[in-house]
Protein backbone atom coordinates (compact mmCIF):
# COMPACT_ATOMS: atom_id res chain seq x y z
CA UNK A 1 -5.86 22.81 4.20
CA UNK A 2 -6.46 25.67 1.84
CA UNK A 3 -7.51 26.30 -1.75
CA UNK A 4 -4.52 24.35 -3.09
CA UNK A 5 -5.43 21.28 -1.01
CA UNK A 6 -9.06 21.43 -2.10
CA UNK A 7 -8.03 21.70 -5.76
CA UNK A 8 -5.71 18.69 -5.47
CA UNK A 9 -8.36 16.52 -3.86
CA UNK A 10 -11.01 17.56 -6.38
CA UNK A 11 -9.08 16.78 -9.56
CA UNK A 12 -7.60 13.30 -9.09
CA UNK A 13 -8.72 9.68 -9.44
CA UNK A 14 -7.74 8.69 -5.88
CA UNK A 15 -6.39 10.40 -2.76
CA UNK A 16 -3.99 8.90 -0.23
CA UNK A 17 -3.54 11.25 2.70
CA UNK A 18 -1.14 10.84 5.62
CA UNK A 19 -1.52 13.39 8.38
CA UNK A 20 -3.76 14.69 11.11
CA UNK A 21 -7.35 13.69 11.74
CA UNK A 22 -8.36 17.36 11.53
CA UNK A 23 -7.09 17.76 7.96
CA UNK A 24 -8.18 14.22 7.08
CA UNK A 25 -11.78 15.27 7.70
CA UNK A 26 -11.42 18.10 5.19
CA UNK A 27 -9.83 15.76 2.65
CA UNK A 28 -12.65 13.22 3.04
CA UNK A 29 -15.35 15.89 2.86
CA UNK A 30 -13.94 17.38 -0.34
CA UNK A 31 -13.33 14.00 -1.98
CA UNK A 32 -16.84 12.80 -1.12
CA UNK A 33 -18.37 15.54 -3.24
CA UNK A 34 -16.96 13.90 -6.38
CA UNK A 35 -16.97 10.31 -5.02
CA UNK A 36 -13.18 10.23 -5.22
CA UNK A 37 -11.79 7.15 -3.42
CA UNK A 38 -9.76 8.07 -0.33
CA UNK A 39 -7.26 6.23 1.84
CA UNK A 40 -6.49 7.99 5.11
CA UNK A 41 -3.63 7.26 7.52
CA UNK A 42 -4.35 9.60 10.38
CA UNK A 43 -1.43 9.41 12.75
CA UNK A 44 -2.13 6.05 14.36
CA UNK A 45 0.53 3.44 14.84
CA UNK A 46 -1.08 0.97 12.42
CA UNK A 47 -2.05 -1.89 14.73
CA UNK A 48 -2.68 -5.38 13.39
CA UNK A 49 -4.77 -7.57 15.67
CA UNK A 50 -4.84 -11.37 15.34
CA UNK A 51 -7.83 -12.72 17.24
CA UNK A 52 -7.96 -16.00 19.16
CA UNK A 53 -8.98 -18.90 16.94
CA UNK A 54 -7.35 -17.40 13.83
CA UNK A 55 -5.85 -19.94 11.43
CA UNK A 56 -2.21 -18.91 11.83
CA UNK A 57 -0.98 -20.95 8.86
CA UNK A 58 -2.97 -18.73 6.50
CA UNK A 59 -2.67 -15.51 8.52
CA UNK A 60 1.10 -15.34 9.10
CA UNK A 61 2.02 -14.68 5.43
CA UNK A 62 -0.38 -11.72 5.35
CA UNK A 63 0.93 -10.43 8.68
CA UNK A 64 4.50 -10.60 7.36
CA UNK A 65 3.58 -8.67 4.19
CA UNK A 66 1.76 -6.08 6.31
CA UNK A 67 4.87 -5.43 8.37
CA UNK A 68 7.67 -5.87 5.87
CA UNK A 69 6.13 -5.07 2.48
CA UNK A 70 8.07 -2.40 0.59
CA UNK A 71 10.93 -2.94 3.06
CA UNK A 72 8.92 -1.13 5.72
CA UNK A 73 8.77 2.05 3.63
CA UNK A 74 4.99 2.08 3.55
CA UNK A 75 3.10 4.68 5.54
CA UNK A 76 0.23 2.26 6.00
CA UNK A 77 2.26 -0.83 6.89
CA UNK A 78 1.46 -2.53 10.19
CA UNK A 79 3.70 -1.44 13.05
CA UNK A 80 2.15 -2.93 16.18
CA UNK A 81 1.05 -6.56 16.29
CA UNK A 82 -1.38 -7.93 18.87
């Protein structure tokens, strides 16, 4: 994360960053100065947790979109389902 990264984060309407937590902190810090909205995907495996008592009839369609939306070519799509 250098001058180029800071300039990119500072001059946009929204930032979506996929990478390490270390660099994600810099991205968030820089974006916060101008209140730029940020979405971070910091190397996790995108878990989706369905809790006991959940209405499955209304939840399953959302779960399916989370896993298969954009044919799985979505860096923030759910990958692990619990």
